[in-house]
Amino acid sequence: MLDDLLGEGFTLTHMTGYVQPKAEWLAAMKAGQFVYHSIHEVDTVLDPDDGTARLTVRTMTDAKVDGSRTDWRLLLTTDYGRRGETWIPLRTVATTW
C-alpha cells in the first residue's frame, strides 16, 4: 500500500504551490480526484548524500485531475531519507518542464 511506502510526514507540493499532506493526497486519489493512467520516465537524476537523496524525474504523465484528463510534462523532485536500511520518500515537489 502506498501509505506504507511514504514517510509519515510526506507532502506533495502541487504546481499551484499547495502543499498537500500525505493522508489528504491519498484520500483524494481514493475519491478519484487524481487518477494516474500512465507515467513515462523521460530522464532521471539521482543525487545521493550521506543519509539523504534527491531523485529528480522528468515524466510524461497521463492523468485525470478534477475530471479533466490531460498529458502533463511533470518534473518531480522527491527527497528521500532512511528508515533503517530502507529509503523512504519524505516530500515530492511537482512542477512542469
PDB file of N, CA and C in Angstrom:
ATOM      1  N   MET A   1       0.840  -1.177   0.000  1.00  0.00           N
ATOM      2  CA  MET A   1       0.000   0.000   0.000  1.00  0.00           C
ATOM      3  C   MET A   1       0.890   1.247   0.000  1.00  0.00           C
ATOM      4  N   LEU A   2       0.515   2.225  -0.802  1.00  0.00           N
ATOM      5  CA  LEU A   2       1.314   3.441  -0.946  1.00  0.00           C
ATOM      6  C   LEU A   2       1.525   4.152   0.385  1.00  0.00           C
ATOM      7  N   ASP A   3       0.533   4.150   1.224  1.00  0.00           N
ATOM      8  CA  ASP A   3       0.630   4.804   2.537  1.00  0.00           C
ATOM      9  C   ASP A   3       1.837   4.288   3.322  1.00  0.00           C
ATOM     10  N   ASP A   4       2.081   2.980   3.234  1.00  0.00           N
ATOM     11  CA  ASP A   4       3.180   2.365   3.984  1.00  0.00           C
ATOM     12  C   ASP A   4       4.552   2.693   3.396  1.00  0.00           C
ATOM     13  N   LEU A   5       4.587   3.048   2.116  1.00  0.00           N
ATOM     14  CA  LEU A   5       5.860   3.324   1.453  1.00  0.00           C
ATOM     15  C   LEU A   5       6.346   4.750   1.652  1.00  0.00           C
ATOM     16  N   LEU A   6       5.441   5.656   2.012  1.00  0.00           N
ATOM     17  CA  LEU A   6       5.775   7.067   2.169  1.00  0.00           C
ATOM     18  C   LEU A   6       6.065   7.398   3.621  1.00  0.00           C
ATOM     19  N   GLY A   7       6.941   8.360   3.843  1.00  0.00           N
ATOM     20  CA  GLY A   7       7.232   8.803   5.200  1.00  0.00           C
ATOM     21  C   GLY A   7       5.988   9.348   5.881  1.00  0.00           C
ATOM     22  N   GLU A   8       5.957   9.278   7.204  1.00  0.00           N
ATOM     23  CA  GLU A   8       4.781   9.749   7.962  1.00  0.00           C
ATOM     24  C   GLU A   8       4.441  11.198   7.656  1.00  0.00           C
ATOM     25  N   GLY A   9       5.437  12.034   7.527  1.00  0.00           N
ATOM     26  CA  GLY A   9       5.196  13.447   7.272  1.00  0.00           C
ATOM     27  C   GLY A   9       5.254  13.819   5.792  1.00  0.00           C
ATOM     28  N   PHE A  10       5.139  12.819   4.915  1.00  0.00           N
ATOM     29  CA  PHE A  10       5.235  13.060   3.477  1.00  0.00           C
ATOM     30  C   PHE A  10       4.257  14.142   3.029  1.00  0.00           C
ATOM     31  N   THR A  11       4.732  15.003   2.119  1.00  0.00           N
ATOM     32  CA  THR A  11       3.867  16.007   1.492  1.00  0.00           C
ATOM     33  C   THR A  11       4.113  16.001  -0.012  1.00  0.00           C
ATOM     34  N   LEU A  12       3.088  16.405  -0.748  1.00  0.00           N
ATOM     35  CA  LEU A  12       3.189  16.615  -2.185  1.00  0.00           C
ATOM     36  C   LEU A  12       2.893  18.082  -2.443  1.00  0.00           C
ATOM     37  N   THR A  13       3.864  18.776  -3.020  1.00  0.00           N
ATOM     38  CA  THR A  13       3.654  20.175  -3.380  1.00  0.00           C
ATOM     39  C   THR A  13       3.225  20.208  -4.839  1.00  0.00           C
ATOM     40  N   HIS A  14       2.014  20.692  -5.077  1.00  0.00           N
ATOM     41  CA  HIS A  14       1.445  20.736  -6.419  1.00  0.00           C
ATOM     42  C   HIS A  14       1.984  21.920  -7.203  1.00  0.00           C
ATOM     43  N   MET A  15       1.734  21.911  -8.500  1.00  0.00           N
ATOM     44  CA  MET A  15       2.170  23.003  -9.384  1.00  0.00           C
ATOM     45  C   MET A  15       1.610  24.343  -8.923  1.00  0.00           C
ATOM     46  N   THR A  16       0.491  24.314  -8.247  1.00  0.00           N
ATOM     47  CA  THR A  16      -0.134  25.538  -7.741  1.00  0.00           C
ATOM     48  C   THR A  16       0.583  26.094  -6.523  1.00  0.00           C
ATOM     49  N   GLY A  17       1.482  25.281  -5.936  1.00  0.00           N
ATOM     50  CA  GLY A  17       2.165  25.670  -4.709  1.00  0.00           C
ATOM     51  C   GLY A  17       1.517  25.098  -3.465  1.00  0.00           C
ATOM     52  N   TYR A  18       0.353  24.467  -3.638  1.00  0.00           N
ATOM     53  CA  TYR A  18      -0.335  23.885  -2.486  1.00  0.00           C
ATOM     54  C   TYR A  18       0.448  22.680  -1.968  1.00  0.00           C
ATOM     55  N   VAL A  19       0.733  22.682  -0.677  1.00  0.00           N
ATOM     56  CA  VAL A  19       1.447  21.584  -0.030  1.00  0.00           C
ATOM     57  C   VAL A  19       0.399  20.667   0.593  1.00  0.00           C
ATOM     58  N   GLN A  20       0.263  19.481   0.008  1.00  0.00           N
ATOM     59  CA  GLN A  20      -0.792  18.560   0.427  1.00  0.00           C
ATOM     60  C   GLN A  20      -0.212  17.455   1.308  1.00  0.00           C
ATOM     61  N   PRO A  21      -0.745  17.299   2.523  1.00  0.00           N
ATOM     62  CA  PRO A  21      -0.288  16.216   3.393  1.00  0.00           C
ATOM     63  C   PRO A  21      -0.619  14.849   2.795  1.00  0.00           C
ATOM     64  N   LYS A  22       0.168  13.872   3.173  1.00  0.00           N
ATOM     65  CA  LYS A  22       0.020  12.512   2.650  1.00  0.00           C
ATOM     66  C   LYS A  22      -1.406  11.995   2.755  1.00  0.00           C
ATOM     67  N   ALA A  23      -2.013  12.058   3.925  1.00  0.00           N
ATOM     68  CA  ALA A  23      -3.350  11.498   4.122  1.00  0.00           C
ATOM     69  C   ALA A  23      -4.376  12.155   3.205  1.00  0.00           C
ATOM     70  N   GLU A  24      -4.248  13.457   3.022  1.00  0.00           N
ATOM     71  CA  GLU A  24      -5.178  14.183   2.152  1.00  0.00           C
ATOM     72  C   GLU A  24      -4.994  13.779   0.693  1.00  0.00           C
ATOM     73  N   TRP A  25      -3.744  13.634   0.247  1.00  0.00           N
ATOM     74  CA  TRP A  25      -3.460  13.223  -1.127  1.00  0.00           C
ATOM     75  C   TRP A  25      -3.974  11.814  -1.392  1.00  0.00           C
ATOM     76  N   LEU A  26      -3.711  10.899  -0.471  1.00  0.00           N
ATOM     77  CA  LEU A  26      -4.190   9.520  -0.631  1.00  0.00           C
ATOM     78  C   LEU A  26      -5.714   9.466  -0.665  1.00  0.00           C
ATOM     79  N   ALA A  27      -6.368  10.256   0.178  1.00  0.00           N
ATOM     80  CA  ALA A  27      -7.831  10.302   0.186  1.00  0.00           C
ATOM     81  C   ALA A  27      -8.371  10.873  -1.123  1.00  0.00           C
ATOM     82  N   ALA A  28      -7.682  11.885  -1.670  1.00  0.00           N
ATOM     83  CA  ALA A  28      -8.101  12.483  -2.940  1.00  0.00           C
ATOM     84  C   ALA A  28      -7.980  11.470  -4.080  1.00  0.00           C
ATOM     85  N   MET A  29      -6.920  10.673  -4.061  1.00  0.00           N
ATOM     86  CA  MET A  29      -6.787   9.634  -5.091  1.00  0.00           C
ATOM     87  C   MET A  29      -7.876   8.579  -4.936  1.00  0.00           C
ATOM     88  N   LYS A  30      -8.131   8.169  -3.710  1.00  0.00           N
ATOM     89  CA  LYS A  30      -9.173   7.165  -3.454  1.00  0.00           C
ATOM     90  C   LYS A  30     -10.542   7.671  -3.911  1.00  0.00           C
ATOM     91  N   ALA A  31     -10.783   8.974  -3.771  1.00  0.00           N
ATOM     92  CA  ALA A  31     -12.055   9.581  -4.174  1.00  0.00           C
ATOM     93  C   ALA A  31     -12.122   9.846  -5.681  1.00  0.00           C
ATOM     94  N   GLY A  32     -11.012   9.603  -6.406  1.00  0.00           N
ATOM     95  CA  GLY A  32     -10.999   9.807  -7.850  1.00  0.00           C
ATOM     96  C   GLY A  32     -10.658  11.213  -8.291  1.00  0.00           C
ATOM     97  N   GLN A  33     -10.221  12.056  -7.366  1.00  0.00           N
ATOM     98  CA  GLN A  33      -9.842  13.425  -7.724  1.00  0.00           C
ATOM     99  C   GLN A  33      -8.580  13.424  -8.582  1.00  0.00           C
ATOM    100  N   PHE A  34      -7.676  12.511  -8.303  1.00  0.00           N
ATOM    101  CA  PHE A  34      -6.464  12.308  -9.097  1.00  0.00           C
ATOM    102  C   PHE A  34      -6.464  10.865  -9.574  1.00  0.00           C
ATOM    103  N   VAL A  35      -6.436  10.675 -10.899  1.00  0.00           N
ATOM    104  CA  VAL A  35      -6.354   9.331 -11.470  1.00  0.00           C
ATOM    105  C   VAL A  35      -5.153   9.331 -12.416  1.00  0.00           C
ATOM    106  N   TYR A  36      -4.150   8.533 -12.078  1.00  0.00           N
ATOM    107  CA  TYR A  36      -2.939   8.452 -12.882  1.00  0.00           C
ATOM    108  C   TYR A  36      -3.066   7.251 -13.819  1.00  0.00           C
ATOM    109  N   HIS A  37      -3.175   7.516 -15.128  1.00  0.00           N
ATOM    110  CA  HIS A  37      -3.348   6.444 -16.111  1.00  0.00           C
ATOM    111  C   HIS A  37      -2.007   5.857 -16.532  1.00  0.00           C
ATOM    112  N   SER A  38      -1.005   6.711 -16.723  1.00  0.00           N
ATOM    113  CA  SER A  38       0.339   6.225 -17.043  1.00  0.00           C
ATOM    114  C   SER A  38       1.356   7.322 -16.753  1.00  0.00           C
ATOM    115  N   ILE A  39       2.557   6.870 -16.445  1.00  0.00           N
ATOM    116  CA  ILE A  39       3.674   7.785 -16.219  1.00  0.00           C
ATOM    117  C   ILE A  39       4.874   7.205 -16.959  1.00  0.00           C
ATOM    118  N   HIS A  40       5.398   7.980 -17.922  1.00  0.00           N
ATOM    119  CA  HIS A  40       6.564   7.554 -18.691  1.00  0.00           C
ATOM    120  C   HIS A  40       7.746   8.430 -18.315  1.00  0.00           C
ATOM    121  N   GLU A  41       8.796   7.784 -17.870  1.00  0.00           N
ATOM    122  CA  GLU A  41      10.012   8.482 -17.458  1.00  0.00           C
ATOM    123  C   GLU A  41      10.752   8.990 -18.690  1.00  0.00           C
ATOM    124  N   VAL A  42      11.097  10.278 -18.692  1.00  0.00           N
ATOM    125  CA  VAL A  42      11.870  10.867 -19.773  1.00  0.00           C
ATOM    126  C   VAL A  42      13.352  10.863 -19.396  1.00  0.00           C
ATOM    127  N   ASP A  43      13.672  11.343 -18.206  1.00  0.00           N
ATOM    128  CA  ASP A  43      15.037  11.229 -17.694  1.00  0.00           C
ATOM    129  C   ASP A  43      15.023  11.342 -16.177  1.00  0.00           C
ATOM    130  N   THR A  44      16.102  10.856 -15.578  1.00  0.00           N
ATOM    131  CA  THR A  44      16.192  10.751 -14.122  1.00  0.00           C
ATOM    132  C   THR A  44      17.580  11.157 -13.658  1.00  0.00           C
ATOM    133  N   VAL A  45      17.625  11.905 -12.555  1.00  0.00           N
ATOM    134  CA  VAL A  45      18.900  12.259 -11.917  1.00  0.00           C
ATOM    135  C   VAL A  45      18.777  11.923 -10.440  1.00  0.00           C
ATOM    136  N   LEU A  46      19.722  11.151  -9.928  1.00  0.00           N
ATOM    137  CA  LEU A  46      19.767  10.804  -8.508  1.00  0.00           C
ATOM    138  C   LEU A  46      20.974  11.489  -7.893  1.00  0.00           C
ATOM    139  N   ASP A  47      20.725  12.237  -6.805  1.00  0.00           N
ATOM    140  CA  ASP A  47      21.789  12.949  -6.106  1.00  0.00           C
ATOM    141  C   ASP A  47      21.831  12.451  -4.665  1.00  0.00           C
ATOM    142  N   PRO A  48      22.613  11.386  -4.409  1.00  0.00           N
ATOM    143  CA  PRO A  48      22.688  10.862  -3.040  1.00  0.00           C
ATOM    144  C   PRO A  48      23.634  11.686  -2.178  1.00  0.00           C
ATOM    145  N   ASP A  49      23.324  11.705  -0.882  1.00  0.00           N
ATOM    146  CA  ASP A  49      24.180  12.349   0.101  1.00  0.00           C
ATOM    147  C   ASP A  49      24.203  11.417   1.296  1.00  0.00           C
ATOM    148  N   ASP A  50      24.901  11.769   2.319  1.00  0.00           N
ATOM    149  CA  ASP A  50      25.019  10.916   3.496  1.00  0.00           C
ATOM    150  C   ASP A  50      23.676  10.832   4.234  1.00  0.00           C
ATOM    151  N   GLY A  51      22.919   9.759   4.006  1.00  0.00           N
ATOM    152  CA  GLY A  51      21.645   9.555   4.699  1.00  0.00           C
ATOM    153  C   GLY A  51      20.450  10.211   4.043  1.00  0.00           C
ATOM    154  N   THR A  52      20.672  10.982   2.963  1.00  0.00           N
ATOM    155  CA  THR A  52      19.569  11.593   2.223  1.00  0.00           C
ATOM    156  C   THR A  52      19.828  11.387   0.732  1.00  0.00           C
ATOM    157  N   ALA A  53      18.791  11.600  -0.053  1.00  0.00           N
ATOM    158  CA  ALA A  53      18.946  11.537  -1.508  1.00  0.00           C
ATOM    159  C   ALA A  53      17.842  12.364  -2.140  1.00  0.00           C
ATOM    160  N   ARG A  54      18.136  12.889  -3.317  1.00  0.00           N
ATOM    161  CA  ARG A  54      17.135  13.622  -4.090  1.00  0.00           C
ATOM    162  C   ARG A  54      17.043  12.963  -5.458  1.00  0.00           C
ATOM    163  N   LEU A  55      15.822  12.596  -5.824  1.00  0.00           N
ATOM    164  CA  LEU A  55      15.545  11.993  -7.116  1.00  0.00           C
ATOM    165  C   LEU A  55      14.733  12.992  -7.930  1.00  0.00           C
ATOM    166  N   THR A  56      15.258  13.374  -9.086  1.00  0.00           N
ATOM    167  CA  THR A  56      14.569  14.311  -9.970  1.00  0.00           C
ATOM    168  C   THR A  56      14.235  13.570 -11.259  1.00  0.00           C
ATOM    169  N   VAL A  57      12.944  13.554 -11.598  1.00  0.00           N
ATOM    170  CA  VAL A  57      12.481  12.797 -12.756  1.00  0.00           C
ATOM    171  C   VAL A  57      11.588  13.682 -13.620  1.00  0.00           C
ATOM    172  N   ARG A  58      11.912  13.749 -14.907  1.00  0.00           N
ATOM    173  CA  ARG A  58      11.009  14.381 -15.873  1.00  0.00           C
ATOM    174  C   ARG A  58      10.137  13.273 -16.443  1.00  0.00           C
ATOM    175  N   THR A  59       8.826  13.499 -16.435  1.00  0.00           N
ATOM    176  CA  THR A  59       7.887  12.486 -16.900  1.00  0.00           C
ATOM    177  C   THR A  59       6.889  13.061 -17.892  1.00  0.00           C
ATOM    178  N   MET A  60       6.314  12.177 -18.653  1.00  0.00           N
ATOM    179  CA  MET A  60       5.100  12.452 -19.412  1.00  0.00           C
ATOM    180  C   MET A  60       4.024  11.659 -18.671  1.00  0.00           C
ATOM    181  N   THR A  61       3.097  12.369 -18.059  1.00  0.00           N
ATOM    182  CA  THR A  61       2.106  11.748 -17.185  1.00  0.00           C
ATOM    183  C   THR A  61       0.708  11.962 -17.746  1.00  0.00           C
ATOM    184  N   ASP A  62       0.013  10.855 -17.961  1.00  0.00           N
ATOM    185  CA  ASP A  62      -1.384  10.880 -18.402  1.00  0.00           C
ATOM    186  C   ASP A  62      -2.229  10.779 -17.136  1.00  0.00           C
ATOM    187  N   ALA A  63      -2.874  11.883 -16.768  1.00  0.00           N
ATOM    188  CA  ALA A  63      -3.618  11.905 -15.512  1.00  0.00           C
ATOM    189  C   ALA A  63      -4.919  12.681 -15.662  1.00  0.00           C
ATOM    190  N   LYS A  64      -5.889  12.261 -14.880  1.00  0.00           N
ATOM    191  CA  LYS A  64      -7.154  12.989 -14.784  1.00  0.00           C
ATOM    192  C   LYS A  64      -7.157  13.696 -13.439  1.00  0.00           C
ATOM    193  N   VAL A  65      -7.289  15.018 -13.473  1.00  0.00           N
ATOM    194  CA  VAL A  65      -7.311  15.837 -12.257  1.00  0.00           C
ATOM    195  C   VAL A  65      -8.636  16.593 -12.239  1.00  0.00           C
ATOM    196  N   ASP A  66      -9.406  16.365 -11.196  1.00  0.00           N
ATOM    197  CA  ASP A  66     -10.718  17.012 -11.062  1.00  0.00           C
ATOM    198  C   ASP A  66     -11.582  16.824 -12.313  1.00  0.00           C
ATOM    199  N   GLY A  67     -11.517  15.623 -12.896  1.00  0.00           N
ATOM    200  CA  GLY A  67     -12.384  15.293 -14.022  1.00  0.00           C
ATOM    201  C   GLY A  67     -11.832  15.597 -15.391  1.00  0.00           C
ATOM    202  N   SER A  68     -10.715  16.320 -15.501  1.00  0.00           N
ATOM    203  CA  SER A  68     -10.127  16.649 -16.795  1.00  0.00           C
ATOM    204  C   SER A  68      -8.871  15.820 -17.027  1.00  0.00           C
ATOM    205  N   ARG A  69      -8.896  15.033 -18.115  1.00  0.00           N
ATOM    206  CA  ARG A  69      -7.746  14.185 -18.435  1.00  0.00           C
ATOM    207  C   ARG A  69      -6.811  14.915 -19.393  1.00  0.00           C
ATOM    208  N   THR A  70      -5.514  14.931 -19.047  1.00  0.00           N
ATOM    209  CA  THR A  70      -4.508  15.671 -19.808  1.00  0.00           C
ATOM    210  C   THR A  70      -3.183  14.934 -19.740  1.00  0.00           C
ATOM    211  N   ASP A  71      -2.340  15.164 -20.732  1.00  0.00           N
ATOM    212  CA  ASP A  71      -0.951  14.722 -20.672  1.00  0.00           C
ATOM    213  C   ASP A  71      -0.144  15.844 -20.041  1.00  0.00           C
ATOM    214  N   TRP A  72       0.532  15.527 -18.952  1.00  0.00           N
ATOM    215  CA  TRP A  72       1.297  16.514 -18.194  1.00  0.00           C
ATOM    216  C   TRP A  72       2.788  16.249 -18.379  1.00  0.00           C
ATOM    217  N   ARG A  73       3.546  17.304 -18.607  1.00  0.00           N
ATOM    218  CA  ARG A  73       5.013  17.231 -18.606  1.00  0.00           C
ATOM    219  C   ARG A  73       5.447  17.624 -17.200  1.00  0.00           C
ATOM    220  N   LEU A  74       5.635  16.620 -16.352  1.00  0.00           N
ATOM    221  CA  LEU A  74       5.924  16.888 -14.946  1.00  0.00           C
ATOM    222  C   LEU A  74       7.395  16.716 -14.619  1.00  0.00           C
ATOM    223  N   LEU A  75       7.889  17.616 -13.806  1.00  0.00           N
ATOM    224  CA  LEU A  75       9.199  17.498 -13.186  1.00  0.00           C
ATOM    225  C   LEU A  75       8.925  17.191 -11.718  1.00  0.00           C
ATOM    226  N   LEU A  76       9.278  15.985 -11.307  1.00  0.00           N
ATOM    227  CA  LEU A  76       9.016  15.529  -9.934  1.00  0.00           C
ATOM    228  C   LEU A  76      10.334  15.445  -9.183  1.00  0.00           C
ATOM    229  N   THR A  77      10.443  16.201  -8.117  1.00  0.00           N
ATOM    230  CA  THR A  77      11.637  16.191  -7.284  1.00  0.00           C
ATOM    231  C   THR A  77      11.246  15.600  -5.933  1.00  0.00           C
ATOM    232  N   THR A  78      11.836  14.453  -5.614  1.00  0.00           N
ATOM    233  CA  THR A  78      11.493  13.747  -4.376  1.00  0.00           C
ATOM    234  C   THR A  78      12.716  13.641  -3.479  1.00  0.00           C
ATOM    235  N   ASP A  79      12.556  14.079  -2.234  1.00  0.00           N
ATOM    236  CA  ASP A  79      13.599  13.945  -1.223  1.00  0.00           C
ATOM    237  C   ASP A  79      13.350  12.674  -0.433  1.00  0.00           C
ATOM    238  N   TYR A  80      14.425  11.900  -0.215  1.00  0.00           N
ATOM    239  CA  TYR A  80      14.354  10.632   0.496  1.00  0.00           C
ATOM    240  C   TYR A  80      15.194  10.688   1.768  1.00  0.00           C
ATOM    241  N   GLY A  81      14.776   9.927   2.748  1.00  0.00           N
ATOM    242  CA  GLY A  81      15.535   9.732   3.969  1.00  0.00           C
ATOM    243  C   GLY A  81      15.567   8.247   4.279  1.00  0.00           C
ATOM    244  N   ARG A  82      16.245   7.891   5.319  1.00  0.00           N
ATOM    245  CA  ARG A  82      16.393   6.483   5.692  1.00  0.00           C
ATOM    246  C   ARG A  82      15.435   6.102   6.814  1.00  0.00           C
ATOM    247  N   ARG A  83      14.861   4.933   6.689  1.00  0.00           N
ATOM    248  CA  ARG A  83      14.139   4.265   7.774  1.00  0.00           C
ATOM    249  C   ARG A  83      14.847   2.923   7.911  1.00  0.00           C
ATOM    250  N   GLY A  84      15.799   2.880   8.838  1.00  0.00           N
ATOM    251  CA  GLY A  84      16.652   1.691   8.925  1.00  0.00           C
ATOM    252  C   GLY A  84      17.500   1.602   7.668  1.00  0.00           C
ATOM    253  N   GLU A  85      17.389   0.487   6.959  1.00  0.00           N
ATOM    254  CA  GLU A  85      18.118   0.293   5.708  1.00  0.00           C
ATOM    255  C   GLU A  85      17.287   0.656   4.484  1.00  0.00           C
ATOM    256  N   THR A  86      16.070   1.164   4.691  1.00  0.00           N
ATOM    257  CA  THR A  86      15.152   1.445   3.595  1.00  0.00           C
ATOM    258  C   THR A  86      15.080   2.939   3.307  1.00  0.00           C
ATOM    259  N   TRP A  87      15.129   3.292   2.035  1.00  0.00           N
ATOM    260  CA  TRP A  87      14.926   4.674   1.621  1.00  0.00           C
ATOM    261  C   TRP A  87      13.435   4.940   1.539  1.00  0.00           C
ATOM    262  N   ILE A  88      12.988   6.062   2.129  1.00  0.00           N
ATOM    263  CA  ILE A  88      11.567   6.408   2.077  1.00  0.00           C
ATOM    264  C   ILE A  88      11.388   7.837   1.557  1.00  0.00           C
ATOM    265  N   PRO A  89      10.374   8.048   0.713  1.00  0.00           N
ATOM    266  CA  PRO A  89      10.095   9.396   0.234  1.00  0.00           C
ATOM    267  C   PRO A  89       9.570  10.274   1.370  1.00  0.00           C
ATOM    268  N   LEU A  90      10.130  11.475   1.483  1.00  0.00           N
ATOM    269  CA  LEU A  90       9.723  12.425   2.520  1.00  0.00           C
ATOM    270  C   LEU A  90       8.851  13.542   1.968  1.00  0.00           C
ATOM    271  N   ARG A  91       9.170  13.961   0.738  1.00  0.00           N
ATOM    272  CA  ARG A  91       8.353  15.004   0.104  1.00  0.00           C
ATOM    273  C   ARG A  91       8.623  14.987  -1.396  1.00  0.00           C
ATOM    274  N   THR A  92       7.592  15.343  -2.148  1.00  0.00           N
ATOM    275  CA  THR A  92       7.725  15.484  -3.591  1.00  0.00           C
ATOM    276  C   THR A  92       7.198  16.857  -3.989  1.00  0.00           C
ATOM    277  N   VAL A  93       7.925  17.502  -4.883  1.00  0.00           N
ATOM    278  CA  VAL A  93       7.503  18.775  -5.445  1.00  0.00           C
ATOM    279  C   VAL A  93       7.281  18.557  -6.936  1.00  0.00           C
ATOM    280  N   ALA A  94       6.071  18.893  -7.416  1.00  0.00           N
ATOM    281  CA  ALA A  94       5.733  18.730  -8.827  1.00  0.00           C
ATOM    282  C   ALA A  94       5.674  20.096  -9.505  1.00  0.00           C
ATOM    283  N   THR A  95       6.407  20.219 -10.597  1.00  0.00           N
ATOM    284  CA  THR A  95       6.346  21.399 -11.449  1.00  0.00           C
ATOM    285  C   THR A  95       6.265  20.889 -12.890  1.00  0.00           C
ATOM    286  N   THR A  96       6.204  21.808 -13.838  1.00  0.00           N
ATOM    287  CA  THR A  96       6.210  21.394 -15.230  1.00  0.00           C
ATOM    288  C   THR A  96       7.561  21.714 -15.855  1.00  0.00           C
ATOM    289  N   TRP A  97       7.811  21.113 -16.996  1.00  0.00           N
ATOM    290  CA  TRP A  97       9.045  21.391 -17.738  1.00  0.00           C
ATOM    291  C   TRP A  97       8.720  21.647 -19.187  1.00  0.00           C
TER     292      TRP A  97
END
